[in-house]
């Protein structure tokens, strides 16, 4: 396996927590770093085959292990925030009410302000707000796993 360098132990623990949660969500079958390496190699092989066949390859044509790991971690979060089909079999999303989205909008005005100072209307950004709330829910779940790992 390629050596992966984490900036610190906190980053390594965060990565492991994300992999554990992805497995719980049914996004992956194996949450080990060795399995990430195998998925990386499979993805690189697939992309090389696409290139050989003259097909378009979007993004990188070859992933380093670190780049692939980051790609996976980002994909897990996006799948969760987008409420990808199949996740609800393994996880019960909390309800997001209109009150929740309005509160987020009012509490984060800077996120919805254009360069010249005017703001996006609530209706224009409501779906984005829901995804941001899901991302917060994702991070809360990761933090719960990190607490469990720390207790071991």
C-alpha atoms as a PDB file:
ATOM      1  CA  UNK A   1       0.000   0.000   0.000  1.00  0.00           C
ATOM      2  CA  UNK A   2       1.167   3.518  -0.722  1.00  0.00           C
ATOM      3  CA  UNK A   3       2.095   5.417   2.365  1.00  0.00           C
ATOM      4  CA  UNK A   4      -0.437   8.054   3.268  1.00  0.00           C
ATOM      5  CA  UNK A   5       0.737  10.947   5.298  1.00  0.00           C
ATOM      6  CA  UNK A   6      -1.762  12.610   7.550  1.00  0.00           C
ATOM      7  CA  UNK A   7      -0.951  16.079   8.793  1.00  0.00           C
ATOM      8  CA  UNK A   8      -1.644  14.895  12.318  1.00  0.00           C
ATOM      9  CA  UNK A   9      -3.451  12.248  14.335  1.00  0.00           C
ATOM     10  CA  UNK A  10      -6.634  14.335  14.365  1.00  0.00           C
ATOM     11  CA  UNK A  11      -6.777  14.234  10.555  1.00  0.00           C
ATOM     12  CA  UNK A  12      -6.195  10.479  10.562  1.00  0.00           C
ATOM     13  CA  UNK A  13      -8.960   9.925  13.131  1.00  0.00           C
ATOM     14  CA  UNK A  14     -11.342  12.137  11.124  1.00  0.00           C
ATOM     15  CA  UNK A  15     -10.635  10.085   8.010  1.00  0.00           C
ATOM     16  CA  UNK A  16     -11.274   6.832   9.849  1.00  0.00           C
ATOM     17  CA  UNK A  17     -14.537   8.222  11.263  1.00  0.00           C
ATOM     18  CA  UNK A  18     -15.695   9.209   7.768  1.00  0.00           C
ATOM     19  CA  UNK A  19     -14.919   5.730   6.462  1.00  0.00           C
ATOM     20  CA  UNK A  20     -16.764   4.108   9.375  1.00  0.00           C
ATOM     21  CA  UNK A  21     -19.820   6.297   8.742  1.00  0.00           C
ATOM     22  CA  UNK A  22     -19.719   5.588   4.993  1.00  0.00           C
ATOM     23  CA  UNK A  23     -19.796   1.877   5.777  1.00  0.00           C
ATOM     24  CA  UNK A  24     -22.749   2.376   8.146  1.00  0.00           C
ATOM     25  CA  UNK A  25     -24.555   4.257   5.374  1.00  0.00           C
ATOM     26  CA  UNK A  26     -23.977   1.390   2.955  1.00  0.00           C
ATOM     27  CA  UNK A  27     -21.779   3.483   0.650  1.00  0.00           C
ATOM     28  CA  UNK A  28     -18.808   1.092   1.019  1.00  0.00           C
ATOM     29  CA  UNK A  29     -18.393  -2.480   2.223  1.00  0.00           C
ATOM     30  CA  UNK A  30     -14.971  -2.103   3.828  1.00  0.00           C
ATOM     31  CA  UNK A  31     -13.829   0.922   5.835  1.00  0.00           C
ATOM     32  CA  UNK A  32     -10.114   0.079   5.987  1.00  0.00           C
ATOM     33  CA  UNK A  33      -7.396   2.145   4.328  1.00  0.00           C
ATOM     34  CA  UNK A  34      -6.361  -1.006   2.449  1.00  0.00           C
ATOM     35  CA  UNK A  35      -9.838  -1.127   0.898  1.00  0.00           C
ATOM     36  CA  UNK A  36      -9.509   2.532  -0.103  1.00  0.00           C
ATOM     37  CA  UNK A  37      -6.246   1.621  -1.827  1.00  0.00           C
ATOM     38  CA  UNK A  38      -7.974  -1.209  -3.681  1.00  0.00           C
ATOM     39  CA  UNK A  39     -10.838   1.060  -4.769  1.00  0.00           C
ATOM     40  CA  UNK A  40      -8.244   3.597  -5.928  1.00  0.00           C
ATOM     41  CA  UNK A  41      -6.448   0.996  -8.008  1.00  0.00           C
ATOM     42  CA  UNK A  42      -9.759  -0.187  -9.502  1.00  0.00           C
ATOM     43  CA  UNK A  43     -10.730   3.390 -10.373  1.00  0.00           C
ATOM     44  CA  UNK A  44      -7.333   4.018 -11.984  1.00  0.00           C
ATOM     45  CA  UNK A  45      -7.650   0.809 -14.016  1.00  0.00           C
ATOM     46  CA  UNK A  46     -11.149   1.809 -15.134  1.00  0.00           C
ATOM     47  CA  UNK A  47      -9.937   5.246 -16.206  1.00  0.00           C
ATOM     48  CA  UNK A  48      -6.987   3.767 -18.117  1.00  0.00           C
ATOM     49  CA  UNK A  49      -9.395   1.446 -19.971  1.00  0.00           C
ATOM     50  CA  UNK A  50     -11.594   4.412 -20.833  1.00  0.00           C
ATOM     51  CA  UNK A  51      -8.582   6.260 -22.230  1.00  0.00           C
ATOM     52  CA  UNK A  52      -7.510   3.204 -24.265  1.00  0.00           C
ATOM     53  CA  UNK A  53     -11.024   2.980 -25.702  1.00  0.00           C
ATOM     54  CA  UNK A  54     -10.993   6.650 -26.701  1.00  0.00           C
ATOM     55  CA  UNK A  55     -13.651   7.556 -24.155  1.00  0.00           C
ATOM     56  CA  UNK A  56     -13.733  10.841 -22.305  1.00  0.00           C
ATOM     57  CA  UNK A  57     -12.394  10.711 -18.766  1.00  0.00           C
ATOM     58  CA  UNK A  58     -13.630  13.509 -16.549  1.00  0.00           C
ATOM     59  CA  UNK A  59     -11.267  14.714 -13.871  1.00  0.00           C
ATOM     60  CA  UNK A  60      -7.981  13.016 -13.179  1.00  0.00           C
ATOM     61  CA  UNK A  61      -6.794  10.202 -15.408  1.00  0.00           C
ATOM     62  CA  UNK A  62      -4.828   8.763 -12.500  1.00  0.00           C
ATOM     63  CA  UNK A  63      -5.405   9.217  -8.759  1.00  0.00           C
ATOM     64  CA  UNK A  64      -2.689   9.152  -6.154  1.00  0.00           C
ATOM     65  CA  UNK A  65      -3.853   7.379  -3.022  1.00  0.00           C
ATOM     66  CA  UNK A  66      -4.162  10.670  -1.137  1.00  0.00           C
ATOM     67  CA  UNK A  67      -6.137  12.323  -3.946  1.00  0.00           C
ATOM     68  CA  UNK A  68      -8.461   9.334  -4.207  1.00  0.00           C
ATOM     69  CA  UNK A  69      -9.036   9.282  -0.460  1.00  0.00           C
ATOM     70  CA  UNK A  70      -9.984  12.970  -0.551  1.00  0.00           C
ATOM     71  CA  UNK A  71     -12.246  12.274  -3.542  1.00  0.00           C
ATOM     72  CA  UNK A  72     -14.036   9.527  -1.611  1.00  0.00           C
ATOM     73  CA  UNK A  73     -14.448  11.561   1.562  1.00  0.00           C
ATOM     74  CA  UNK A  74     -15.941  14.433  -0.420  1.00  0.00           C
ATOM     75  CA  UNK A  75     -18.253  12.065  -2.287  1.00  0.00           C
ATOM     76  CA  UNK A  76     -19.516  10.515   0.963  1.00  0.00           C
ATOM     77  CA  UNK A  77     -20.453  13.923   2.334  1.00  0.00           C
ATOM     78  CA  UNK A  78     -22.144  14.977  -0.909  1.00  0.00           C
ATOM     79  CA  UNK A  79     -24.072  11.701  -1.144  1.00  0.00           C
ATOM     80  CA  UNK A  80     -25.286  12.216   2.419  1.00  0.00           C
ATOM     81  CA  UNK A  81     -26.214  15.872   1.888  1.00  0.00           C
ATOM     82  CA  UNK A  82     -28.041  15.021  -1.335  1.00  0.00           C
ATOM     83  CA  UNK A  83     -29.931  12.216   0.420  1.00  0.00           C
ATOM     84  CA  UNK A  84     -28.757   9.717  -2.197  1.00  0.00           C
ATOM     85  CA  UNK A  85     -31.043   6.750  -2.775  1.00  0.00           C
ATOM     86  CA  UNK A  86     -30.314   3.844  -0.481  1.00  0.00           C
ATOM     87  CA  UNK A  87     -28.930   5.812   2.451  1.00  0.00           C
ATOM     88  CA  UNK A  88     -32.319   5.993   4.150  1.00  0.00           C
ATOM     89  CA  UNK A  89     -32.206   2.185   4.508  1.00  0.00           C
ATOM     90  CA  UNK A  90     -29.270   2.634   6.894  1.00  0.00           C
ATOM     91  CA  UNK A  91     -29.866   6.076   8.384  1.00  0.00           C
ATOM     92  CA  UNK A  92     -32.857   8.095   9.564  1.00  0.00           C
ATOM     93  CA  UNK A  93     -32.400  11.684   8.484  1.00  0.00           C
ATOM     94  CA  UNK A  94     -33.726  14.280  10.870  1.00  0.00           C
ATOM     95  CA  UNK A  95     -36.586  16.383   9.543  1.00  0.00           C
ATOM     96  CA  UNK A  96     -35.666  19.809   8.253  1.00  0.00           C
ATOM     97  CA  UNK A  97     -38.519  22.217   8.867  1.00  0.00           C
ATOM     98  CA  UNK A  98     -39.218  25.568   7.251  1.00  0.00           C
ATOM     99  CA  UNK A  99     -38.352  27.073  10.646  1.00  0.00           C
ATOM    100  CA  UNK A 100     -34.907  25.393  10.482  1.00  0.00           C
ATOM    101  CA  UNK A 101     -34.169  26.721   7.003  1.00  0.00           C
ATOM    102  CA  UNK A 102     -35.383  30.243   7.813  1.00  0.00           C
ATOM    103  CA  UNK A 103     -33.243  30.272  10.961  1.00  0.00           C
ATOM    104  CA  UNK A 104     -30.186  29.140   8.978  1.00  0.00           C
ATOM    105  CA  UNK A 105     -30.853  31.818   6.346  1.00  0.00           C
ATOM    106  CA  UNK A 106     -31.125  34.573   8.956  1.00  0.00           C
ATOM    107  CA  UNK A 107     -28.127  33.304  10.928  1.00  0.00           C
ATOM    108  CA  UNK A 108     -25.838  33.069   7.893  1.00  0.00           C
ATOM    109  CA  UNK A 109     -26.638  36.212   5.921  1.00  0.00           C
ATOM    110  CA  UNK A 110     -23.018  36.487   4.790  1.00  0.00           C
ATOM    111  CA  UNK A 111     -23.359  33.219   2.839  1.00  0.00           C
ATOM    112  CA  UNK A 112     -26.207  34.639   0.791  1.00  0.00           C
ATOM    113  CA  UNK A 113     -24.852  38.125   0.098  1.00  0.00           C
ATOM    114  CA  UNK A 114     -23.507  39.025  -3.331  1.00  0.00           C
ATOM    115  CA  UNK A 115     -20.361  41.040  -3.919  1.00  0.00           C
ATOM    116  CA  UNK A 116     -22.269  44.306  -4.314  1.00  0.00           C
ATOM    117  CA  UNK A 117     -24.139  43.817  -1.021  1.00  0.00           C
ATOM    118  CA  UNK A 118     -27.563  42.625  -2.137  1.00  0.00           C
ATOM    119  CA  UNK A 119     -28.744  39.234  -0.939  1.00  0.00           C
ATOM    120  CA  UNK A 120     -30.206  36.190  -2.608  1.00  0.00           C
ATOM    121  CA  UNK A 121     -33.858  35.782  -1.710  1.00  0.00           C
ATOM    122  CA  UNK A 122     -34.723  32.895   0.594  1.00  0.00           C
ATOM    123  CA  UNK A 123     -36.608  31.018  -2.136  1.00  0.00           C
ATOM    124  CA  UNK A 124     -33.542  31.175  -4.392  1.00  0.00           C
ATOM    125  CA  UNK A 125     -31.332  29.423  -1.854  1.00  0.00           C
ATOM    126  CA  UNK A 126     -33.729  27.201   0.105  1.00  0.00           C
ATOM    127  CA  UNK A 127     -32.421  23.958  -1.439  1.00  0.00           C
ATOM    128  CA  UNK A 128     -28.827  25.037  -0.768  1.00  0.00           C
ATOM    129  CA  UNK A 129     -29.748  25.735   2.852  1.00  0.00           C
ATOM    130  CA  UNK A 130     -31.185  22.228   3.205  1.00  0.00           C
ATOM    131  CA  UNK A 131     -27.953  20.741   1.881  1.00  0.00           C
ATOM    132  CA  UNK A 132     -25.888  22.864   4.255  1.00  0.00           C
ATOM    133  CA  UNK A 133     -28.026  21.653   7.159  1.00  0.00           C
ATOM    134  CA  UNK A 134     -27.466  18.066   5.979  1.00  0.00           C
ATOM    135  CA  UNK A 135     -23.723  18.738   5.870  1.00  0.00           C
ATOM    136  CA  UNK A 136     -23.906  19.906   9.484  1.00  0.00           C
ATOM    137  CA  UNK A 137     -25.818  16.722  10.349  1.00  0.00           C
ATOM    138  CA  UNK A 138     -23.079  14.703   8.622  1.00  0.00           C
ATOM    139  CA  UNK A 139     -20.357  16.467  10.615  1.00  0.00           C
ATOM    140  CA  UNK A 140     -22.303  15.859  13.843  1.00  0.00           C
ATOM    141  CA  UNK A 141     -22.394  12.136  13.052  1.00  0.00           C
ATOM    142  CA  UNK A 142     -18.659  12.163  12.331  1.00  0.00           C
ATOM    143  CA  UNK A 143     -18.043  13.920  15.660  1.00  0.00           C
ATOM    144  CA  UNK A 144     -20.121  11.273  17.439  1.00  0.00           C
ATOM    145  CA  UNK A 145     -17.948   8.563  15.901  1.00  0.00           C
ATOM    146  CA  UNK A 146     -14.803  10.485  16.864  1.00  0.00           C
ATOM    147  CA  UNK A 147     -16.026  10.563  20.480  1.00  0.00           C
ATOM    148  CA  UNK A 148     -16.589   6.796  20.347  1.00  0.00           C
ATOM    149  CA  UNK A 149     -13.084   6.275  18.933  1.00  0.00           C
ATOM    150  CA  UNK A 150     -11.594   8.448  21.673  1.00  0.00           C
ATOM    151  CA  UNK A 151     -13.336   6.358  24.340  1.00  0.00           C
ATOM    152  CA  UNK A 152     -11.595   3.189  23.138  1.00  0.00           C
END
